[in-house]
Amino acid sequence: MQSKLWLRKLLCISLLSFSFVASISQANAANPKILVYGDSLSAAYGIAKSQGWVALLQKKLADQHYQYDVINASISGETTSGGLTRLETALSKVQPNIIIIELGANDGLRGLPVKDMTENLDTMITQSKKANAKILLIGMKIPPNYGPKYTEAFSNTYPDLSLQHKVSLVPFLLENVAAQPKLIQDDGLHPNVSGQPIILDNIWPKLKPLLKR
C-alpha cells in the first residue's frame, strides 16, 4: 500500500513539474517574470485554472499594460518544507523579477511546528533575495480551534518575517473571503470562483508598487 501511495505521489509531482516547465516555455522570454509559489489556494483547487486568482492576475496585468508573464508553480497540499526543497530549481528555471510566496496554510492545518515553518519561509526569502527577485510575502491565518498560543504564533510569523527582511506583505490572503460561506467551496476550505477576484484585490495593492512598466 505504501509503495502504491509513493508511486502515486511521484507521478503527481512529475505531472506538476511537466506542467510547470510547459508554462515557462509558453512565456515570452523577453518579458519579466512573476513567480507565484504557493499551495492549493494559488493552484485554483476545485475550479478551472482560468478562473483562479493567478490567471486573473495575468489578465489584469495585460489590461493595465504591464508586460509580465505570470508563472504559477503552486502545488496543492504543499507545505513550507516541500516548497523549500524545490525553490532553488524554480528560481533557476524562471529567474523571476518578482516572487509571490504563499505557503504555510498546510503547515498550520497539520499543526506542524511554527518554528520550522518560520525557518523554512526565512530560507525561501533569503534564497529569493540572492536570486535578485523582489518578494511579496502572503500572510495566512488558521482557525482558533488550534489554540490561542499556536494561532497567534502562526499569524505573527508573516509580519515578523516581513519586518526582518524588509519585504512587502499581504497580511491575510483570504481577507473578506474566509468568513463568507458563499465564497467558499463545499469543502469549507477553498475559495470558489466568486472568491477569486477578492483574493486578487487583496494582493494587487501590495504587488503594484513592485511592478515596472
Protein backbone atom coordinates (compact mmCIF):
# COMPACT_ATOMS: atom_id res chain seq x y z
CA MET A 1 0.00 0.00 0.00
CA GLN A 2 2.76 2.45 0.94
CA SER A 3 4.65 1.74 -2.28
CA LYS A 4 1.50 2.46 -4.31
CA LEU A 5 0.96 5.73 -2.45
CA TRP A 6 4.59 6.68 -3.05
CA LEU A 7 4.32 5.94 -6.77
CA ARG A 8 1.09 7.91 -7.00
CA LYS A 9 2.71 10.89 -5.28
CA LEU A 10 5.76 10.65 -7.53
CA LEU A 11 3.56 10.59 -10.64
CA CYS A 12 1.61 13.60 -9.38
CA ILE A 13 4.81 15.58 -8.76
CA SER A 14 6.15 14.59 -12.18
CA LEU A 15 2.97 15.79 -13.90
CA LEU A 16 3.04 19.04 -11.96
CA SER A 17 6.69 19.53 -12.87
CA PHE A 18 5.86 18.96 -16.54
CA SER A 19 3.04 21.50 -16.32
CA PHE A 20 5.40 23.97 -14.64
CA VAL A 21 8.06 23.58 -17.34
CA ALA A 22 5.39 23.86 -20.04
CA SER A 23 4.13 27.12 -18.59
CA ILE A 24 7.66 28.51 -18.64
CA SER A 25 8.17 27.51 -22.27
CA GLN A 26 4.96 29.28 -23.25
CA ALA A 27 6.10 32.53 -21.63
CA ASN A 28 7.74 35.30 -23.63
CA ALA A 29 11.47 35.14 -22.88
CA ALA A 30 11.73 38.91 -23.23
CA ASN A 31 9.10 39.66 -20.60
CA PRO A 32 9.88 39.97 -16.88
CA LYS A 33 8.51 37.12 -14.80
CA ILE A 34 6.31 36.87 -11.72
CA LEU A 35 6.64 33.50 -9.99
CA VAL A 36 3.63 32.51 -7.88
CA TYR A 37 4.88 29.99 -5.36
CA GLY A 38 2.07 28.61 -3.26
CA ASP A 39 -0.31 25.81 -2.39
CA SER A 40 -3.90 24.93 -3.36
CA LEU A 41 -5.06 28.47 -2.62
CA SER A 42 -2.99 29.62 -5.59
CA ALA A 43 -3.29 26.46 -7.67
CA ALA A 44 -7.01 27.02 -8.40
CA TYR A 45 -8.01 23.92 -6.47
CA GLY A 46 -11.54 22.76 -7.32
CA ILE A 47 -12.08 25.27 -10.10
CA ALA A 48 -10.80 25.83 -13.63
CA LYS A 49 -7.28 27.28 -13.68
CA SER A 50 -8.55 30.09 -15.89
CA GLN A 51 -10.84 31.17 -13.01
CA GLY A 52 -8.19 31.27 -10.31
CA TRP A 53 -6.69 34.46 -8.96
CA VAL A 54 -3.35 33.78 -10.67
CA ALA A 55 -4.98 33.68 -14.10
CA LEU A 56 -6.96 36.80 -13.19
CA LEU A 57 -3.68 38.47 -12.25
CA GLN A 58 -2.21 37.75 -15.69
CA LYS A 59 -5.28 39.31 -17.29
CA LYS A 60 -5.16 42.36 -15.01
CA LEU A 61 -1.50 42.93 -15.82
CA ALA A 62 -2.27 42.84 -19.55
CA ASP A 63 -5.28 45.12 -19.16
CA GLN A 64 -3.11 47.67 -17.35
CA HIS A 65 -0.30 47.36 -19.89
CA TYR A 66 2.23 45.58 -17.68
CA GLN A 67 4.22 43.16 -19.83
CA TYR A 68 4.81 40.47 -17.22
CA ASP A 69 4.45 36.72 -17.60
CA VAL A 70 2.97 35.02 -14.54
CA ILE A 71 4.37 31.55 -13.87
CA ASN A 72 2.32 29.51 -11.42
CA ALA A 73 4.46 26.95 -9.57
CA SER A 74 1.84 26.30 -6.87
CA ILE A 75 1.09 22.73 -5.77
CA SER A 76 -1.99 21.66 -3.83
CA GLY A 77 -1.10 20.30 -0.40
CA GLU A 78 2.32 21.94 -0.38
CA THR A 79 3.96 22.79 2.95
CA THR A 80 6.81 25.21 3.54
CA SER A 81 9.15 22.24 3.83
CA GLY A 82 8.11 20.90 0.44
CA GLY A 83 8.27 24.35 -1.08
CA LEU A 84 11.79 24.88 0.19
CA THR A 85 13.05 21.67 -1.40
CA ARG A 86 12.05 22.78 -4.90
CA LEU A 87 12.58 26.55 -4.70
CA GLU A 88 16.17 26.63 -5.90
CA THR A 89 15.20 24.80 -9.08
CA ALA A 90 12.17 27.04 -9.63
CA LEU A 91 14.25 30.20 -9.22
CA SER A 92 16.86 28.86 -11.64
CA LYS A 93 14.31 27.92 -14.30
CA VAL A 94 12.13 31.04 -14.09
CA GLN A 95 14.64 33.70 -13.00
CA PRO A 96 11.72 35.79 -11.70
CA ASN A 97 11.79 39.53 -11.24
CA ILE A 98 9.12 39.08 -8.55
CA ILE A 99 8.19 36.07 -6.45
CA ILE A 100 4.91 35.79 -4.57
CA ILE A 101 5.41 33.36 -1.67
CA GLU A 102 2.08 31.93 -0.49
CA LEU A 103 2.86 28.99 1.78
CA GLY A 104 2.17 27.95 5.35
CA ALA A 105 -1.54 27.16 5.37
CA ASN A 106 -0.91 23.41 5.20
CA ASP A 107 1.70 23.64 7.95
CA GLY A 108 -0.93 25.24 10.15
CA LEU A 109 -3.74 22.85 9.27
CA ARG A 110 -1.45 19.92 10.08
CA GLY A 111 -0.33 21.50 13.34
CA LEU A 112 3.33 21.46 12.29
CA PRO A 113 5.80 23.40 14.46
CA VAL A 114 5.65 27.14 13.81
CA LYS A 115 9.40 27.32 14.39
CA ASP A 116 10.04 25.00 11.44
CA MET A 117 7.60 26.91 9.23
CA THR A 118 9.28 30.20 10.12
CA GLU A 119 12.73 28.83 9.34
CA ASN A 120 11.55 27.45 6.00
CA LEU A 121 9.96 30.75 4.97
CA ASP A 122 13.02 32.64 6.19
CA THR A 123 15.27 30.49 3.99
CA MET A 124 12.95 30.89 0.99
CA ILE A 125 13.05 34.66 1.34
CA THR A 126 16.83 34.60 1.63
CA GLN A 127 17.18 32.40 -1.46
CA SER A 128 14.82 34.63 -3.42
CA LYS A 129 16.84 37.70 -2.47
CA LYS A 130 20.03 36.01 -3.64
CA ALA A 131 18.26 35.38 -6.95
CA ASN A 132 17.60 39.14 -7.18
CA ALA A 133 13.84 38.72 -7.04
CA LYS A 134 11.53 41.20 -5.39
CA ILE A 135 9.41 39.42 -2.80
CA LEU A 136 5.76 39.63 -1.88
CA LEU A 137 5.00 37.53 1.19
CA ILE A 138 1.42 36.36 1.61
CA GLY A 139 0.17 36.03 5.17
CA MET A 140 -2.24 33.37 6.38
CA LYS A 141 -4.36 32.70 9.46
CA ILE A 142 -5.75 29.46 10.86
CA PRO A 143 -8.96 28.70 12.81
CA PRO A 144 -8.96 29.41 16.56
CA ASN A 145 -9.57 25.76 17.46
CA TYR A 146 -5.80 25.18 17.25
CA GLY A 147 -5.44 27.14 20.48
CA PRO A 148 -4.52 30.79 21.09
CA LYS A 149 -0.81 30.16 21.58
CA TYR A 150 -0.40 28.29 18.29
CA THR A 151 -2.69 30.51 16.21
CA GLU A 152 -1.02 33.69 17.45
CA ALA A 153 2.48 32.37 16.81
CA PHE A 154 1.38 31.22 13.36
CA SER A 155 -0.18 34.51 12.29
CA ASN A 156 2.72 36.56 13.71
CA THR A 157 5.22 34.67 11.56
CA TYR A 158 4.38 36.65 8.43
CA PRO A 159 4.60 40.24 9.72
CA ASP A 160 7.71 39.32 11.71
CA LEU A 161 9.46 38.00 8.61
CA SER A 162 8.27 40.97 6.57
CA LEU A 163 9.85 43.37 9.05
CA GLN A 164 13.01 41.30 9.44
CA HIS A 165 13.66 41.07 5.71
CA LYS A 166 12.02 44.36 4.72
CA VAL A 167 9.78 42.68 2.15
CA SER A 168 6.22 43.53 1.13
CA LEU A 169 3.39 41.72 2.91
CA VAL A 170 -0.24 40.90 2.24
CA PRO A 171 -1.43 40.41 5.84
CA PHE A 172 -4.10 37.81 5.04
CA LEU A 173 -4.72 36.25 1.64
CA LEU A 174 -8.35 35.38 2.42
CA GLU A 175 -9.41 38.72 3.88
CA ASN A 176 -13.14 39.26 3.17
CA VAL A 177 -13.34 35.69 1.86
CA ALA A 178 -12.70 33.23 4.70
CA ALA A 179 -15.73 34.26 6.78
CA GLN A 180 -18.13 34.27 3.82
CA PRO A 181 -19.68 30.80 3.21
CA LYS A 182 -21.00 31.92 -0.18
CA LEU A 183 -17.39 32.44 -1.31
CA ILE A 184 -16.11 29.04 -0.14
CA GLN A 185 -16.34 25.64 -1.83
CA ASP A 186 -18.23 22.76 -0.25
CA ASP A 187 -15.04 21.51 1.44
CA GLY A 188 -15.21 24.56 3.71
CA LEU A 189 -11.59 25.49 2.96
CA HIS A 190 -11.03 26.66 -0.59
CA PRO A 191 -12.44 29.81 -2.17
CA ASN A 192 -14.85 29.30 -5.04
CA VAL A 193 -14.91 31.18 -8.34
CA SER A 194 -16.63 34.20 -6.75
CA GLY A 195 -13.88 34.48 -4.14
CA GLN A 196 -11.01 34.67 -6.61
CA PRO A 197 -11.39 38.34 -7.64
CA ILE A 198 -11.47 39.32 -3.96
CA ILE A 199 -8.21 37.47 -3.37
CA LEU A 200 -6.66 39.38 -6.25
CA ASP A 201 -8.00 42.62 -4.75
CA ASN A 202 -6.15 41.73 -1.54
CA ILE A 203 -2.90 41.15 -3.40
CA TRP A 204 -2.90 43.88 -6.04
CA PRO A 205 -2.25 46.96 -3.83
CA LYS A 206 0.88 45.31 -2.43
CA LEU A 207 2.05 43.92 -5.75
CA LYS A 208 1.58 47.04 -7.85
CA PRO A 209 4.45 49.03 -6.24
CA LEU A 210 6.83 46.19 -7.18
CA LEU A 211 5.90 46.38 -10.88
CA LYS A 212 7.67 48.31 -13.62
CA ARG A 213 6.24 49.21 -16.98
